């Protein structure tokens, strides 16, 4: 888990609601099954099956990586 993250308040609320841990976020971002453009400009959605398909939305080119939201597909 070397990647530095900045997880937004919105993302943290959604993570709590959806049972997604910070470890899950790191696992998705370190080895996604797929990535695709997000619904808004400059956003990317990363997906990985962690027993359930977990999706993480980030801001393109951010450092540290800004996590906008997370959800289960």
N, C-alpha and C. Protein backbone atom coordinates (compact mmCIF):
# COMPACT_ATOMS: atom_id res chain seq x y z
N UNK A 1 0.83 -1.19 0.00
CA UNK A 1 0.00 0.00 0.00
C UNK A 1 0.87 1.25 0.00
N UNK A 2 1.57 1.46 -1.10
CA UNK A 2 2.50 2.57 -1.17
C UNK A 2 1.84 3.86 -1.65
N UNK A 3 0.72 3.76 -2.30
CA UNK A 3 0.10 4.92 -2.90
C UNK A 3 -0.50 5.83 -1.83
N UNK A 4 -0.14 7.11 -1.91
CA UNK A 4 -0.72 8.08 -0.97
C UNK A 4 -2.09 8.50 -1.48
N UNK A 5 -3.05 8.50 -0.55
CA UNK A 5 -4.43 8.82 -0.91
C UNK A 5 -4.94 9.99 -0.10
N UNK A 6 -5.84 10.74 -0.72
CA UNK A 6 -6.64 11.75 -0.03
C UNK A 6 -8.09 11.34 -0.27
N UNK A 7 -8.73 10.84 0.77
CA UNK A 7 -10.09 10.33 0.62
C UNK A 7 -11.06 11.42 1.08
N UNK A 8 -11.92 11.85 0.16
CA UNK A 8 -12.86 12.94 0.46
C UNK A 8 -13.85 12.53 1.53
N UNK A 9 -14.46 13.52 2.17
CA UNK A 9 -15.50 13.26 3.16
C UNK A 9 -16.65 12.48 2.57
N UNK A 10 -17.03 12.85 1.34
CA UNK A 10 -18.11 12.12 0.65
C UNK A 10 -17.73 10.65 0.49
N UNK A 11 -16.50 10.41 0.03
CA UNK A 11 -16.06 9.02 -0.18
C UNK A 11 -16.07 8.25 1.14
N UNK A 12 -15.62 8.88 2.23
CA UNK A 12 -15.61 8.19 3.53
C UNK A 12 -17.03 7.84 3.99
N UNK A 13 -17.98 8.75 3.76
CA UNK A 13 -19.38 8.45 4.12
C UNK A 13 -19.89 7.27 3.30
N UNK A 14 -19.63 7.28 2.00
CA UNK A 14 -20.09 6.18 1.14
C UNK A 14 -19.40 4.87 1.51
N UNK A 15 -18.13 4.93 1.86
CA UNK A 15 -17.41 3.73 2.27
C UNK A 15 -18.09 3.12 3.51
N UNK A 16 -18.41 3.96 4.50
CA UNK A 16 -19.09 3.46 5.71
C UNK A 16 -20.43 2.84 5.35
N UNK A 17 -21.22 3.54 4.52
CA UNK A 17 -22.55 3.04 4.14
C UNK A 17 -22.47 1.72 3.39
N UNK A 18 -21.40 1.53 2.63
CA UNK A 18 -21.31 0.37 1.73
C UNK A 18 -20.36 -0.71 2.22
N UNK A 19 -19.79 -0.53 3.40
CA UNK A 19 -18.92 -1.55 3.98
C UNK A 19 -17.60 -1.70 3.24
N UNK A 20 -17.08 -0.60 2.69
CA UNK A 20 -15.80 -0.61 1.97
C UNK A 20 -14.73 -0.04 2.89
N UNK A 21 -13.62 -0.78 3.05
CA UNK A 21 -12.55 -0.33 3.93
C UNK A 21 -11.48 0.43 3.14
N UNK A 22 -10.63 1.13 3.88
CA UNK A 22 -9.50 1.80 3.23
C UNK A 22 -8.57 0.77 2.59
N UNK A 23 -8.43 -0.39 3.21
CA UNK A 23 -7.64 -1.47 2.62
C UNK A 23 -8.23 -1.88 1.28
N UNK A 24 -9.57 -1.98 1.21
CA UNK A 24 -10.22 -2.30 -0.06
C UNK A 24 -9.86 -1.27 -1.13
N UNK A 25 -9.88 0.01 -0.76
CA UNK A 25 -9.55 1.09 -1.71
C UNK A 25 -8.14 0.88 -2.25
N UNK A 26 -7.19 0.63 -1.36
CA UNK A 26 -5.81 0.39 -1.79
C UNK A 26 -5.72 -0.82 -2.71
N UNK A 27 -6.40 -1.91 -2.36
CA UNK A 27 -6.35 -3.13 -3.17
C UNK A 27 -6.90 -2.89 -4.57
N UNK A 28 -7.99 -2.13 -4.67
CA UNK A 28 -8.58 -1.82 -5.98
C UNK A 28 -7.60 -1.00 -6.81
N UNK A 29 -7.03 0.05 -6.22
CA UNK A 29 -6.16 0.96 -6.96
C UNK A 29 -4.82 0.33 -7.33
N UNK A 30 -4.33 -0.60 -6.50
CA UNK A 30 -3.04 -1.23 -6.78
C UNK A 30 -3.12 -2.26 -7.90
N UNK A 31 -4.28 -2.92 -8.04
CA UNK A 31 -4.39 -3.98 -9.05
C UNK A 31 -5.84 -4.07 -9.55
N UNK A 32 -6.31 -3.04 -10.26
CA UNK A 32 -7.70 -3.09 -10.74
C UNK A 32 -7.87 -4.15 -11.82
N UNK A 33 -9.08 -4.74 -11.87
CA UNK A 33 -9.41 -5.64 -12.97
C UNK A 33 -9.62 -4.83 -14.24
N UNK A 34 -10.27 -3.67 -14.11
CA UNK A 34 -10.47 -2.76 -15.24
C UNK A 34 -10.47 -1.32 -14.74
N UNK A 35 -10.24 -0.41 -15.66
CA UNK A 35 -10.43 1.01 -15.37
C UNK A 35 -11.16 1.61 -16.57
N UNK A 36 -11.93 2.65 -16.30
CA UNK A 36 -12.71 3.28 -17.37
C UNK A 36 -12.93 4.74 -17.02
N UNK A 37 -13.24 5.56 -18.02
CA UNK A 37 -13.53 6.97 -17.72
C UNK A 37 -14.75 7.09 -16.81
N UNK A 38 -14.72 8.07 -15.94
CA UNK A 38 -15.84 8.32 -15.05
C UNK A 38 -16.94 9.08 -15.77
N UNK A 39 -18.03 9.35 -15.05
CA UNK A 39 -19.16 10.07 -15.62
C UNK A 39 -18.90 11.57 -15.74
N UNK A 40 -17.90 12.07 -15.01
CA UNK A 40 -17.55 13.48 -15.07
C UNK A 40 -16.15 13.61 -15.67
N UNK A 41 -15.83 14.77 -16.25
CA UNK A 41 -14.49 14.97 -16.81
C UNK A 41 -13.41 14.80 -15.74
N UNK A 42 -12.25 14.31 -16.16
CA UNK A 42 -11.09 14.16 -15.27
C UNK A 42 -11.33 13.19 -14.12
N UNK A 43 -12.16 12.18 -14.35
CA UNK A 43 -12.42 11.14 -13.35
C UNK A 43 -12.17 9.77 -13.99
N UNK A 44 -11.63 8.87 -13.20
CA UNK A 44 -11.45 7.48 -13.64
C UNK A 44 -12.06 6.57 -12.60
N UNK A 45 -12.73 5.52 -13.07
CA UNK A 45 -13.32 4.50 -12.20
C UNK A 45 -12.46 3.25 -12.31
N UNK A 46 -12.01 2.76 -11.16
CA UNK A 46 -11.24 1.52 -11.09
C UNK A 46 -12.13 0.47 -10.44
N UNK A 47 -12.12 -0.73 -11.01
CA UNK A 47 -12.97 -1.82 -10.50
C UNK A 47 -12.13 -3.05 -10.23
N UNK A 48 -12.46 -3.73 -9.13
CA UNK A 48 -11.81 -5.00 -8.82
C UNK A 48 -12.79 -5.87 -8.05
N UNK A 49 -12.79 -7.14 -8.38
CA UNK A 49 -13.64 -8.09 -7.67
C UNK A 49 -12.93 -8.53 -6.39
N UNK A 50 -13.46 -8.08 -5.26
CA UNK A 50 -12.94 -8.44 -3.94
C UNK A 50 -13.96 -9.32 -3.23
N UNK A 51 -14.60 -10.22 -3.98
CA UNK A 51 -15.73 -10.99 -3.47
C UNK A 51 -17.02 -10.30 -3.88
N UNK A 52 -16.93 -9.03 -4.11
CA UNK A 52 -17.97 -8.19 -4.70
C UNK A 52 -17.21 -7.15 -5.51
N UNK A 53 -17.76 -6.71 -6.62
CA UNK A 53 -17.05 -5.76 -7.47
C UNK A 53 -17.06 -4.40 -6.79
N UNK A 54 -15.88 -3.98 -6.37
CA UNK A 54 -15.70 -2.72 -5.67
C UNK A 54 -15.15 -1.69 -6.65
N UNK A 55 -15.78 -0.51 -6.68
CA UNK A 55 -15.41 0.55 -7.63
C UNK A 55 -14.92 1.76 -6.85
N UNK A 56 -13.84 2.36 -7.35
CA UNK A 56 -13.25 3.55 -6.73
C UNK A 56 -13.11 4.60 -7.81
N UNK A 57 -13.62 5.81 -7.54
CA UNK A 57 -13.55 6.92 -8.49
C UNK A 57 -12.49 7.90 -7.99
N UNK A 58 -11.54 8.24 -8.88
CA UNK A 58 -10.45 9.15 -8.53
C UNK A 58 -10.41 10.34 -9.48
N UNK A 59 -9.70 11.39 -9.05
CA UNK A 59 -9.45 12.56 -9.88
C UNK A 59 -8.17 12.29 -10.67
N UNK A 60 -8.25 12.39 -11.99
CA UNK A 60 -7.09 12.13 -12.85
C UNK A 60 -5.93 13.07 -12.51
N UNK A 61 -4.73 12.50 -12.45
CA UNK A 61 -3.52 13.29 -12.28
C UNK A 61 -3.30 13.87 -10.90
N UNK A 62 -4.11 13.50 -9.91
CA UNK A 62 -3.96 14.07 -8.57
C UNK A 62 -2.83 13.37 -7.81
N UNK A 63 -2.12 14.13 -6.99
CA UNK A 63 -1.05 13.58 -6.17
C UNK A 63 -1.01 14.34 -4.86
N UNK A 64 -1.40 13.71 -3.73
CA UNK A 64 -1.82 12.32 -3.62
C UNK A 64 -3.12 12.06 -4.39
N UNK A 65 -3.38 10.79 -4.65
CA UNK A 65 -4.57 10.40 -5.40
C UNK A 65 -5.81 10.78 -4.60
N UNK A 66 -6.69 11.58 -5.22
CA UNK A 66 -7.93 11.98 -4.57
C UNK A 66 -9.02 10.97 -4.90
N UNK A 67 -9.56 10.34 -3.87
CA UNK A 67 -10.67 9.40 -4.01
C UNK A 67 -11.96 10.20 -3.83
N UNK A 68 -12.79 10.23 -4.87
CA UNK A 68 -14.02 11.01 -4.88
C UNK A 68 -15.15 10.23 -4.24
N UNK A 69 -15.27 8.95 -4.60
CA UNK A 69 -16.31 8.10 -4.03
C UNK A 69 -15.94 6.63 -4.26
N UNK A 70 -16.70 5.75 -3.64
CA UNK A 70 -16.51 4.31 -3.80
C UNK A 70 -17.88 3.66 -3.70
N UNK A 71 -18.04 2.59 -4.49
CA UNK A 71 -19.33 1.90 -4.47
C UNK A 71 -19.16 0.45 -4.87
N UNK A 72 -20.23 -0.32 -4.64
CA UNK A 72 -20.27 -1.73 -5.01
C UNK A 72 -21.14 -1.84 -6.25
N UNK A 73 -20.65 -2.59 -7.22
CA UNK A 73 -21.38 -2.75 -8.47
C UNK A 73 -22.24 -3.99 -8.43
